[in-house]
N, C-alpha and C. Protein backbone atom coordinates (compact mmCIF):
# COMPACT_ATOMS: atom_id res chain seq x y z
N MET A 1 -11.25 9.12 1.71
CA MET A 1 -11.93 7.85 1.83
C MET A 1 -10.95 6.68 1.66
N ASP A 2 -10.01 6.82 0.71
CA ASP A 2 -9.05 5.75 0.47
C ASP A 2 -8.13 5.55 1.67
N GLY A 3 -7.80 6.63 2.36
CA GLY A 3 -6.97 6.52 3.55
C GLY A 3 -7.66 5.76 4.67
N ILE A 4 -8.95 6.00 4.81
CA ILE A 4 -9.73 5.31 5.84
C ILE A 4 -9.80 3.82 5.54
N ILE A 5 -10.01 3.48 4.28
CA ILE A 5 -10.06 2.07 3.87
C ILE A 5 -8.72 1.39 4.13
N LEU A 6 -7.62 2.07 3.81
CA LEU A 6 -6.28 1.51 4.04
C LEU A 6 -6.05 1.28 5.53
N ILE A 7 -6.41 2.24 6.35
CA ILE A 7 -6.24 2.10 7.81
C ILE A 7 -7.08 0.96 8.34
N ILE A 8 -8.32 0.83 7.87
CA ILE A 8 -9.19 -0.26 8.31
C ILE A 8 -8.60 -1.62 7.92
N LEU A 9 -8.08 -1.74 6.69
CA LEU A 9 -7.47 -3.00 6.25
C LEU A 9 -6.27 -3.37 7.12
N ILE A 10 -5.43 -2.39 7.41
CA ILE A 10 -4.24 -2.66 8.22
C ILE A 10 -4.65 -3.01 9.66
N LEU A 11 -5.66 -2.33 10.21
CA LEU A 11 -6.13 -2.66 11.56
C LEU A 11 -6.74 -4.05 11.63
N ILE A 12 -7.47 -4.45 10.61
CA ILE A 12 -8.03 -5.80 10.57
C ILE A 12 -6.91 -6.83 10.58
N VAL A 13 -5.88 -6.60 9.79
CA VAL A 13 -4.74 -7.53 9.77
C VAL A 13 -4.05 -7.55 11.12
N CYS A 14 -3.88 -6.37 11.74
CA CYS A 14 -3.22 -6.29 13.05
C CYS A 14 -3.99 -7.09 14.11
N PHE A 15 -5.30 -6.92 14.16
CA PHE A 15 -6.09 -7.61 15.17
C PHE A 15 -6.26 -9.09 14.87
N TYR A 16 -6.29 -9.45 13.60
CA TYR A 16 -6.51 -10.85 13.25
C TYR A 16 -5.23 -11.68 13.41
N PHE A 17 -4.10 -11.18 12.91
CA PHE A 17 -2.87 -11.96 12.92
C PHE A 17 -1.98 -11.67 14.13
N ARG A 18 -1.86 -10.42 14.52
CA ARG A 18 -1.03 -9.99 15.66
C ARG A 18 0.42 -10.42 15.51
N ASP A 19 0.90 -10.46 14.29
CA ASP A 19 2.27 -10.84 14.00
C ASP A 19 2.88 -9.77 13.10
N PHE A 20 4.04 -9.25 13.49
CA PHE A 20 4.66 -8.17 12.74
C PHE A 20 4.94 -8.57 11.30
N TYR A 21 5.37 -9.81 11.09
CA TYR A 21 5.65 -10.32 9.75
C TYR A 21 4.40 -10.26 8.88
N LYS A 22 3.27 -10.64 9.42
CA LYS A 22 2.01 -10.63 8.67
C LYS A 22 1.56 -9.20 8.35
N ILE A 23 1.78 -8.28 9.26
CA ILE A 23 1.41 -6.88 9.03
C ILE A 23 2.25 -6.29 7.91
N VAL A 24 3.55 -6.57 7.93
CA VAL A 24 4.45 -6.10 6.87
C VAL A 24 4.01 -6.68 5.53
N ASN A 25 3.69 -7.96 5.51
CA ASN A 25 3.22 -8.59 4.27
C ASN A 25 1.90 -7.98 3.80
N ALA A 26 1.01 -7.67 4.71
CA ALA A 26 -0.28 -7.08 4.33
C ALA A 26 -0.09 -5.72 3.66
N VAL A 27 0.78 -4.89 4.22
CA VAL A 27 1.04 -3.58 3.62
C VAL A 27 1.65 -3.76 2.23
N ALA A 28 2.58 -4.69 2.09
CA ALA A 28 3.21 -4.94 0.79
C ALA A 28 2.20 -5.49 -0.22
N ILE A 29 1.32 -6.38 0.22
CA ILE A 29 0.31 -6.95 -0.67
C ILE A 29 -0.65 -5.88 -1.15
N ILE A 30 -1.09 -5.02 -0.24
CA ILE A 30 -2.00 -3.92 -0.62
C ILE A 30 -1.33 -3.01 -1.64
N ASP A 31 -0.07 -2.66 -1.39
CA ASP A 31 0.64 -1.76 -2.30
C ASP A 31 0.86 -2.40 -3.66
N ILE A 32 1.27 -3.66 -3.68
CA ILE A 32 1.50 -4.34 -4.95
C ILE A 32 0.20 -4.47 -5.73
N PHE A 33 -0.90 -4.81 -5.04
CA PHE A 33 -2.20 -4.90 -5.70
C PHE A 33 -2.59 -3.56 -6.33
N LEU A 34 -2.44 -2.47 -5.57
CA LEU A 34 -2.80 -1.15 -6.10
C LEU A 34 -1.96 -0.79 -7.32
N ARG A 35 -0.67 -1.07 -7.26
CA ARG A 35 0.21 -0.74 -8.39
C ARG A 35 -0.13 -1.54 -9.63
N ILE A 36 -0.37 -2.85 -9.49
CA ILE A 36 -0.72 -3.68 -10.64
C ILE A 36 -2.07 -3.27 -11.20
N PHE A 37 -3.05 -3.06 -10.34
CA PHE A 37 -4.39 -2.67 -10.80
C PHE A 37 -4.35 -1.32 -11.51
N TYR A 38 -3.58 -0.37 -10.96
CA TYR A 38 -3.44 0.95 -11.57
C TYR A 38 -2.80 0.84 -12.96
N PHE A 39 -1.78 -0.01 -13.08
CA PHE A 39 -1.11 -0.22 -14.36
C PHE A 39 -2.08 -0.79 -15.40
N ILE A 40 -2.84 -1.80 -15.00
CA ILE A 40 -3.79 -2.43 -15.92
C ILE A 40 -4.86 -1.45 -16.36
N VAL A 41 -5.40 -0.69 -15.43
CA VAL A 41 -6.47 0.27 -15.76
C VAL A 41 -5.97 1.34 -16.72
N HIS A 42 -4.73 1.79 -16.53
CA HIS A 42 -4.21 2.84 -17.41
C HIS A 42 -3.75 2.34 -18.77
N ASN A 43 -3.51 1.05 -18.89
CA ASN A 43 -3.04 0.51 -20.17
C ASN A 43 -4.11 -0.26 -20.94
N VAL A 44 -5.19 -0.62 -20.28
CA VAL A 44 -6.30 -1.30 -20.94
C VAL A 44 -7.54 -0.45 -20.68
N GLU A 45 -7.95 0.30 -21.67
CA GLU A 45 -9.10 1.19 -21.51
C GLU A 45 -10.41 0.42 -21.62
N ILE A 46 -11.19 0.44 -20.57
CA ILE A 46 -12.52 -0.15 -20.57
C ILE A 46 -13.49 0.98 -20.22
N ARG A 47 -14.29 1.36 -21.15
CA ARG A 47 -15.19 2.50 -20.94
C ARG A 47 -16.13 2.24 -19.77
N GLY A 48 -16.28 3.23 -18.96
CA GLY A 48 -17.15 3.13 -17.81
C GLY A 48 -16.41 2.67 -16.57
N ILE A 49 -15.59 1.67 -16.71
CA ILE A 49 -14.85 1.14 -15.56
C ILE A 49 -13.57 1.92 -15.33
N SER A 50 -12.85 2.23 -16.39
CA SER A 50 -11.57 2.92 -16.25
C SER A 50 -11.71 4.28 -15.58
N GLU A 51 -12.72 5.05 -15.98
CA GLU A 51 -12.91 6.37 -15.38
C GLU A 51 -13.26 6.26 -13.91
N TYR A 52 -14.08 5.29 -13.57
CA TYR A 52 -14.49 5.08 -12.18
C TYR A 52 -13.30 4.67 -11.32
N VAL A 53 -12.50 3.74 -11.82
CA VAL A 53 -11.33 3.26 -11.07
C VAL A 53 -10.30 4.36 -10.93
N GLU A 54 -10.04 5.11 -11.99
CA GLU A 54 -9.07 6.21 -11.92
C GLU A 54 -9.50 7.27 -10.92
N LYS A 55 -10.79 7.46 -10.78
CA LYS A 55 -11.30 8.49 -9.87
C LYS A 55 -11.22 8.06 -8.41
N TYR A 56 -11.50 6.79 -8.12
CA TYR A 56 -11.63 6.35 -6.74
C TYR A 56 -10.53 5.45 -6.21
N LEU A 57 -9.72 4.85 -7.06
CA LEU A 57 -8.68 3.95 -6.60
C LEU A 57 -7.31 4.61 -6.75
N PRO A 58 -6.57 4.74 -5.67
CA PRO A 58 -5.24 5.37 -5.76
C PRO A 58 -4.24 4.44 -6.41
N GLU A 59 -3.10 5.01 -6.82
CA GLU A 59 -2.11 4.20 -7.52
C GLU A 59 -1.21 3.41 -6.59
N SER A 60 -1.02 3.85 -5.34
CA SER A 60 -0.16 3.13 -4.41
C SER A 60 -0.39 3.68 -3.00
N VAL A 61 0.26 3.05 -2.03
CA VAL A 61 0.15 3.51 -0.64
C VAL A 61 0.77 4.90 -0.48
N PRO A 62 1.95 5.19 -1.06
CA PRO A 62 2.46 6.56 -0.95
C PRO A 62 1.52 7.60 -1.58
N ALA A 63 0.81 7.23 -2.63
CA ALA A 63 -0.15 8.15 -3.24
C ALA A 63 -1.29 8.46 -2.28
N ILE A 64 -1.69 7.46 -1.49
CA ILE A 64 -2.73 7.70 -0.48
C ILE A 64 -2.22 8.67 0.57
N ILE A 65 -0.99 8.46 1.02
CA ILE A 65 -0.41 9.34 2.04
C ILE A 65 -0.29 10.76 1.50
N LEU A 66 0.23 10.91 0.29
CA LEU A 66 0.40 12.24 -0.30
C LEU A 66 -0.93 12.90 -0.64
N ASN A 67 -1.98 12.10 -0.76
CA ASN A 67 -3.31 12.63 -1.02
C ASN A 67 -3.81 13.47 0.15
N TYR A 68 -3.34 13.17 1.35
CA TYR A 68 -3.77 13.86 2.57
C TYR A 68 -2.71 14.84 3.08
N LYS A 69 -1.87 15.34 2.18
CA LYS A 69 -0.78 16.23 2.59
C LYS A 69 -1.28 17.52 3.22
N LYS A 70 -2.38 18.07 2.70
CA LYS A 70 -2.93 19.30 3.27
C LYS A 70 -3.48 19.07 4.67
N VAL A 71 -4.05 17.91 4.90
CA VAL A 71 -4.65 17.60 6.20
C VAL A 71 -3.57 17.25 7.22
N LEU A 72 -2.62 16.41 6.83
CA LEU A 72 -1.59 15.92 7.75
C LEU A 72 -0.44 16.90 7.94
N GLY A 73 -0.14 17.65 6.92
CA GLY A 73 1.01 18.53 6.96
C GLY A 73 2.22 17.85 6.32
N SER A 74 3.16 18.65 5.93
CA SER A 74 4.32 18.15 5.21
C SER A 74 5.19 17.23 6.07
N LEU A 75 5.41 17.61 7.32
CA LEU A 75 6.26 16.82 8.20
C LEU A 75 5.66 15.44 8.48
N MET A 76 4.37 15.40 8.77
CA MET A 76 3.71 14.12 9.04
C MET A 76 3.69 13.23 7.80
N CYS A 77 3.49 13.84 6.63
CA CYS A 77 3.51 13.09 5.38
C CYS A 77 4.89 12.47 5.16
N ASN A 78 5.93 13.26 5.35
CA ASN A 78 7.28 12.73 5.19
C ASN A 78 7.56 11.61 6.18
N LEU A 79 7.08 11.75 7.41
CA LEU A 79 7.26 10.71 8.41
C LEU A 79 6.55 9.42 8.00
N LEU A 80 5.32 9.53 7.51
CA LEU A 80 4.57 8.35 7.07
C LEU A 80 5.21 7.69 5.85
N ILE A 81 5.74 8.51 4.94
CA ILE A 81 6.44 7.95 3.78
C ILE A 81 7.68 7.18 4.24
N TRP A 82 8.42 7.72 5.22
CA TRP A 82 9.58 7.00 5.73
C TRP A 82 9.19 5.71 6.44
N VAL A 83 8.07 5.72 7.16
CA VAL A 83 7.57 4.50 7.79
C VAL A 83 7.25 3.47 6.70
N TYR A 84 6.61 3.93 5.62
CA TYR A 84 6.30 3.05 4.50
C TYR A 84 7.58 2.47 3.90
N VAL A 85 8.61 3.29 3.70
CA VAL A 85 9.88 2.83 3.13
C VAL A 85 10.53 1.80 4.05
N ILE A 86 10.47 2.02 5.34
CA ILE A 86 11.04 1.06 6.30
C ILE A 86 10.27 -0.26 6.25
N ILE A 87 8.94 -0.18 6.19
CA ILE A 87 8.13 -1.40 6.10
C ILE A 87 8.45 -2.16 4.82
N MET A 88 8.61 -1.46 3.71
CA MET A 88 8.94 -2.14 2.45
C MET A 88 10.36 -2.71 2.50
N GLY A 89 11.28 -2.06 3.21
CA GLY A 89 12.63 -2.60 3.40
C GLY A 89 12.60 -3.89 4.22
N ILE A 90 11.76 -3.90 5.26
CA ILE A 90 11.61 -5.11 6.07
C ILE A 90 10.99 -6.22 5.23
N PHE A 91 10.00 -5.87 4.38
CA PHE A 91 9.40 -6.85 3.48
C PHE A 91 10.45 -7.44 2.54
N LEU A 92 11.30 -6.59 2.00
CA LEU A 92 12.36 -7.06 1.12
C LEU A 92 13.31 -7.99 1.87
N PHE A 93 13.65 -7.63 3.10
CA PHE A 93 14.53 -8.48 3.92
C PHE A 93 13.91 -9.85 4.13
N TYR A 94 12.62 -9.89 4.53
CA TYR A 94 11.94 -11.18 4.73
C TYR A 94 11.87 -11.98 3.44
N THR A 95 11.63 -11.32 2.33
CA THR A 95 11.53 -12.01 1.05
C THR A 95 12.87 -12.61 0.64
N VAL A 96 13.94 -11.85 0.77
CA VAL A 96 15.28 -12.35 0.43
C VAL A 96 15.68 -13.48 1.38
N LYS A 97 15.36 -13.34 2.66
CA LYS A 97 15.67 -14.36 3.63
C LYS A 97 14.95 -15.67 3.29
N ARG A 98 13.69 -15.59 2.92
CA ARG A 98 12.94 -16.78 2.55
C ARG A 98 13.48 -17.37 1.25
N PHE A 99 13.87 -16.51 0.32
CA PHE A 99 14.43 -16.98 -0.96
C PHE A 99 15.73 -17.75 -0.73
N ILE A 100 16.59 -17.22 0.13
CA ILE A 100 17.88 -17.87 0.40
C ILE A 100 17.66 -19.19 1.15
N LYS A 101 16.72 -19.22 2.08
CA LYS A 101 16.45 -20.45 2.84
C LYS A 101 15.86 -21.54 1.97
N SER A 102 15.12 -21.16 0.94
CA SER A 102 14.45 -22.17 0.12
C SER A 102 15.41 -22.92 -0.80
N LYS A 103 16.65 -22.53 -0.82
CA LYS A 103 17.66 -23.18 -1.66
C LYS A 103 17.85 -24.57 -1.15
């Protein structure tokens, strides 16, 4: 289910913005949000909410990809992880470029 939601979010961004820079930023924003939310849930125990979030919300985009390893197969999972790493590298490039320009 989490994979379907991630794909739908990325497709919405693709159709709405149609800009590669925006798509890269959307993937990075989703991943950063998941990582921060996962950290907060695991370090601040709220009864009722923490168990629900831990059960249904993945920790990151790579965790979503690895969650479907049996369905996709090992090779496809590795390929998607490398695509994710390339997208995050492009995000880092854009971020550093914007940081240097803002001087």
